[in-house]
């Protein structure tokens, strides 16, 4: 997303800021990937997830060992201690593709995803989550 009239967090120039990084296009290209290259992979992924938390409408990806992995699959895998099987899907309960909070994600076999029983259970879960008035 582009923001007009904000200062670049590196050079301070009042120009259009490039993406969610807070950097102008020139600074972003100069520093891309180098700001957190010294950090362990786990910390780099956590920083990426924090940056992505502002955009709830799009799928996000994280770089795991040089491979782009859907963020929601990474989060479920990290929480359970094992990767999500390839023939399974990770469903966002509230329908927002970028809302990767653990309480909004459910992993299930593809066949179960469309079952009427599961859909009704998910609707109840969504209503329960909405009643908690969690920040979006």
C-alpha atoms as a PDB file:
ATOM      1  CA  UNK A   1       0.000   0.000   0.000  1.00  0.00           C
ATOM      2  CA  UNK A   2       1.271   3.448  -0.769  1.00  0.00           C
ATOM      3  CA  UNK A   3       1.022   6.325   1.699  1.00  0.00           C
ATOM      4  CA  UNK A   4       1.382   9.893   0.468  1.00  0.00           C
ATOM      5  CA  UNK A   5       2.958  12.597   2.545  1.00  0.00           C
ATOM      6  CA  UNK A   6       4.650  10.473   5.186  1.00  0.00           C
ATOM      7  CA  UNK A   7       8.356  10.692   5.936  1.00  0.00           C
ATOM      8  CA  UNK A   8      10.586   7.793   5.015  1.00  0.00           C
ATOM      9  CA  UNK A   9      11.749   6.237   8.285  1.00  0.00           C
ATOM     10  CA  UNK A  10      15.321   6.046   7.018  1.00  0.00           C
ATOM     11  CA  UNK A  11      16.027   9.242   5.067  1.00  0.00           C
ATOM     12  CA  UNK A  12      13.144  11.361   6.423  1.00  0.00           C
ATOM     13  CA  UNK A  13      12.131  12.779   3.048  1.00  0.00           C
ATOM     14  CA  UNK A  14       8.437  13.635   2.772  1.00  0.00           C
ATOM     15  CA  UNK A  15       7.581  11.440  -0.178  1.00  0.00           C
ATOM     16  CA  UNK A  16       5.371   8.512  -0.979  1.00  0.00           C
ATOM     17  CA  UNK A  17       6.252   5.629   1.341  1.00  0.00           C
ATOM     18  CA  UNK A  18       6.790   2.274  -0.395  1.00  0.00           C
ATOM     19  CA  UNK A  19       4.695  -0.614   0.997  1.00  0.00           C
ATOM     20  CA  UNK A  20       4.315  -1.378   4.696  1.00  0.00           C
ATOM     21  CA  UNK A  21       8.048  -0.990   5.337  1.00  0.00           C
ATOM     22  CA  UNK A  22       7.825   2.756   6.019  1.00  0.00           C
ATOM     23  CA  UNK A  23      10.636   3.383   3.537  1.00  0.00           C
ATOM     24  CA  UNK A  24      10.646   5.405   0.341  1.00  0.00           C
ATOM     25  CA  UNK A  25      11.229   3.425  -2.829  1.00  0.00           C
ATOM     26  CA  UNK A  26      14.920   4.367  -3.014  1.00  0.00           C
ATOM     27  CA  UNK A  27      15.652   3.356   0.608  1.00  0.00           C
ATOM     28  CA  UNK A  28      13.605   0.196   0.310  1.00  0.00           C
ATOM     29  CA  UNK A  29      15.585  -0.982  -2.725  1.00  0.00           C
ATOM     30  CA  UNK A  30      18.875   0.031  -1.117  1.00  0.00           C
ATOM     31  CA  UNK A  31      18.170  -1.935   2.063  1.00  0.00           C
ATOM     32  CA  UNK A  32      15.783  -4.667   0.951  1.00  0.00           C
ATOM     33  CA  UNK A  33      16.351  -7.797   2.925  1.00  0.00           C
ATOM     34  CA  UNK A  34      19.349  -6.388   4.768  1.00  0.00           C
ATOM     35  CA  UNK A  35      17.534  -4.856   7.755  1.00  0.00           C
ATOM     36  CA  UNK A  36      16.976  -8.177   9.476  1.00  0.00           C
ATOM     37  CA  UNK A  37      19.380 -10.504   7.649  1.00  0.00           C
ATOM     38  CA  UNK A  38      21.483 -10.796  10.814  1.00  0.00           C
ATOM     39  CA  UNK A  39      18.526 -12.200  12.786  1.00  0.00           C
ATOM     40  CA  UNK A  40      17.818 -15.923  13.076  1.00  0.00           C
ATOM     41  CA  UNK A  41      15.171 -17.226  10.676  1.00  0.00           C
ATOM     42  CA  UNK A  42      12.564 -17.584  13.446  1.00  0.00           C
ATOM     43  CA  UNK A  43      12.858 -13.897  14.404  1.00  0.00           C
ATOM     44  CA  UNK A  44      12.728 -12.782  10.753  1.00  0.00           C
ATOM     45  CA  UNK A  45       9.513 -14.761  10.268  1.00  0.00           C
ATOM     46  CA  UNK A  46       7.995 -13.306  13.451  1.00  0.00           C
ATOM     47  CA  UNK A  47       8.825  -9.778  12.262  1.00  0.00           C
ATOM     48  CA  UNK A  48       7.174 -10.483   8.910  1.00  0.00           C
ATOM     49  CA  UNK A  49       4.044 -11.802  10.652  1.00  0.00           C
ATOM     50  CA  UNK A  50       3.857  -8.639  12.787  1.00  0.00           C
ATOM     51  CA  UNK A  51       4.140  -6.444   9.669  1.00  0.00           C
ATOM     52  CA  UNK A  52       1.407  -8.428   7.945  1.00  0.00           C
ATOM     53  CA  UNK A  53      -1.058  -8.115  10.839  1.00  0.00           C
ATOM     54  CA  UNK A  54      -2.270  -4.732   9.561  1.00  0.00           C
ATOM     55  CA  UNK A  55      -3.583  -6.164   6.272  1.00  0.00           C
ATOM     56  CA  UNK A  56      -6.398  -8.631   6.928  1.00  0.00           C
ATOM     57  CA  UNK A  57      -7.766  -8.838   3.390  1.00  0.00           C
ATOM     58  CA  UNK A  58      -4.902 -10.607   1.571  1.00  0.00           C
ATOM     59  CA  UNK A  59      -2.995 -13.855   1.957  1.00  0.00           C
ATOM     60  CA  UNK A  60       0.552 -13.420   3.253  1.00  0.00           C
ATOM     61  CA  UNK A  61       3.669 -15.529   2.783  1.00  0.00           C
ATOM     62  CA  UNK A  62       6.809 -16.005   4.864  1.00  0.00           C
ATOM     63  CA  UNK A  63      10.210 -17.172   3.696  1.00  0.00           C
ATOM     64  CA  UNK A  64      11.119 -20.453   5.411  1.00  0.00           C
ATOM     65  CA  UNK A  65      14.501 -21.768   4.348  1.00  0.00           C
ATOM     66  CA  UNK A  66      14.311 -20.028   0.980  1.00  0.00           C
ATOM     67  CA  UNK A  67      10.772 -21.253   0.233  1.00  0.00           C
ATOM     68  CA  UNK A  68       7.692 -19.004   0.288  1.00  0.00           C
ATOM     69  CA  UNK A  69       5.115 -20.627   2.600  1.00  0.00           C
ATOM     70  CA  UNK A  70       1.553 -19.364   3.168  1.00  0.00           C
ATOM     71  CA  UNK A  71       1.631 -17.622   6.546  1.00  0.00           C
ATOM     72  CA  UNK A  72      -1.541 -19.320   7.846  1.00  0.00           C
ATOM     73  CA  UNK A  73      -0.098 -22.796   7.126  1.00  0.00           C
ATOM     74  CA  UNK A  74       3.166 -21.810   8.843  1.00  0.00           C
ATOM     75  CA  UNK A  75       1.336 -20.570  11.962  1.00  0.00           C
ATOM     76  CA  UNK A  76      -0.759 -23.753  12.329  1.00  0.00           C
ATOM     77  CA  UNK A  77       2.318 -25.904  11.747  1.00  0.00           C
ATOM     78  CA  UNK A  78       4.302 -23.978  14.342  1.00  0.00           C
ATOM     79  CA  UNK A  79       1.495 -24.270  16.907  1.00  0.00           C
ATOM     80  CA  UNK A  80       1.002 -28.024  16.408  1.00  0.00           C
ATOM     81  CA  UNK A  81       4.675 -28.850  15.995  1.00  0.00           C
ATOM     82  CA  UNK A  82       4.203 -30.529  12.613  1.00  0.00           C
ATOM     83  CA  UNK A  83       3.504 -29.210   9.103  1.00  0.00           C
ATOM     84  CA  UNK A  84      -0.034 -29.197   7.728  1.00  0.00           C
ATOM     85  CA  UNK A  85      -0.418 -32.154   5.313  1.00  0.00           C
ATOM     86  CA  UNK A  86      -0.566 -31.186   1.630  1.00  0.00           C
ATOM     87  CA  UNK A  87      -4.100 -32.548   1.195  1.00  0.00           C
ATOM     88  CA  UNK A  88      -5.391 -30.418   4.087  1.00  0.00           C
ATOM     89  CA  UNK A  89      -6.500 -26.806   4.042  1.00  0.00           C
ATOM     90  CA  UNK A  90      -6.245 -24.087   6.668  1.00  0.00           C
ATOM     91  CA  UNK A  91      -9.576 -22.296   6.967  1.00  0.00           C
ATOM     92  CA  UNK A  92      -9.958 -18.718   8.238  1.00  0.00           C
ATOM     93  CA  UNK A  93     -13.045 -18.860  10.472  1.00  0.00           C
ATOM     94  CA  UNK A  94     -14.044 -15.226   9.977  1.00  0.00           C
ATOM     95  CA  UNK A  95     -13.363 -15.297   6.236  1.00  0.00           C
ATOM     96  CA  UNK A  96     -10.588 -12.666   6.372  1.00  0.00           C
ATOM     97  CA  UNK A  97      -7.615 -14.097   4.458  1.00  0.00           C
ATOM     98  CA  UNK A  98      -5.002 -12.112   6.340  1.00  0.00           C
ATOM     99  CA  UNK A  99      -6.374 -12.660   9.857  1.00  0.00           C
ATOM    100  CA  UNK A 100      -3.849 -15.274  10.905  1.00  0.00           C
ATOM    101  CA  UNK A 101      -4.507 -15.275  14.637  1.00  0.00           C
ATOM    102  CA  UNK A 102      -4.367 -18.844  15.917  1.00  0.00           C
ATOM    103  CA  UNK A 103      -7.948 -18.646  17.239  1.00  0.00           C
ATOM    104  CA  UNK A 104      -9.138 -17.797  13.700  1.00  0.00           C
ATOM    105  CA  UNK A 105      -7.452 -20.779  11.978  1.00  0.00           C
ATOM    106  CA  UNK A 106      -8.598 -24.394  11.620  1.00  0.00           C
ATOM    107  CA  UNK A 107      -6.721 -27.112   9.724  1.00  0.00           C
ATOM    108  CA  UNK A 108      -8.815 -29.874   8.179  1.00  0.00           C
ATOM    109  CA  UNK A 109      -8.870 -32.389   5.329  1.00  0.00           C
ATOM    110  CA  UNK A 110     -10.258 -30.940   2.087  1.00  0.00           C
ATOM    111  CA  UNK A 111     -13.249 -33.277   2.206  1.00  0.00           C
ATOM    112  CA  UNK A 112     -14.328 -32.049   5.648  1.00  0.00           C
ATOM    113  CA  UNK A 113     -14.182 -28.409   4.649  1.00  0.00           C
ATOM    114  CA  UNK A 114     -17.374 -28.535   2.608  1.00  0.00           C
ATOM    115  CA  UNK A 115     -19.444 -30.726   4.891  1.00  0.00           C
ATOM    116  CA  UNK A 116     -22.627 -29.123   6.129  1.00  0.00           C
ATOM    117  CA  UNK A 117     -21.912 -30.129   9.725  1.00  0.00           C
ATOM    118  CA  UNK A 118     -18.544 -28.392   9.697  1.00  0.00           C
ATOM    119  CA  UNK A 119     -19.939 -25.236   8.089  1.00  0.00           C
ATOM    120  CA  UNK A 120     -22.541 -24.953  10.840  1.00  0.00           C
ATOM    121  CA  UNK A 121     -19.887 -25.520  13.519  1.00  0.00           C
ATOM    122  CA  UNK A 122     -17.751 -22.791  11.981  1.00  0.00           C
ATOM    123  CA  UNK A 123     -20.688 -20.370  11.953  1.00  0.00           C
ATOM    124  CA  UNK A 124     -21.182 -20.961  15.680  1.00  0.00           C
ATOM    125  CA  UNK A 125     -17.446 -20.430  16.302  1.00  0.00           C
ATOM    126  CA  UNK A 126     -17.508 -17.162  14.345  1.00  0.00           C
ATOM    127  CA  UNK A 127     -20.460 -15.927  16.410  1.00  0.00           C
ATOM    128  CA  UNK A 128     -18.583 -16.848  19.596  1.00  0.00           C
ATOM    129  CA  UNK A 129     -15.489 -14.953  18.413  1.00  0.00           C
ATOM    130  CA  UNK A 130     -17.544 -11.907  17.470  1.00  0.00           C
ATOM    131  CA  UNK A 131     -19.091 -11.823  20.938  1.00  0.00           C
ATOM    132  CA  UNK A 132     -15.599 -11.536  22.466  1.00  0.00           C
ATOM    133  CA  UNK A 133     -15.146  -8.138  20.743  1.00  0.00           C
ATOM    134  CA  UNK A 134     -11.535  -8.911  19.851  1.00  0.00           C
ATOM    135  CA  UNK A 135      -9.644  -6.147  18.065  1.00  0.00           C
ATOM    136  CA  UNK A 136      -9.544  -6.659  14.322  1.00  0.00           C
END
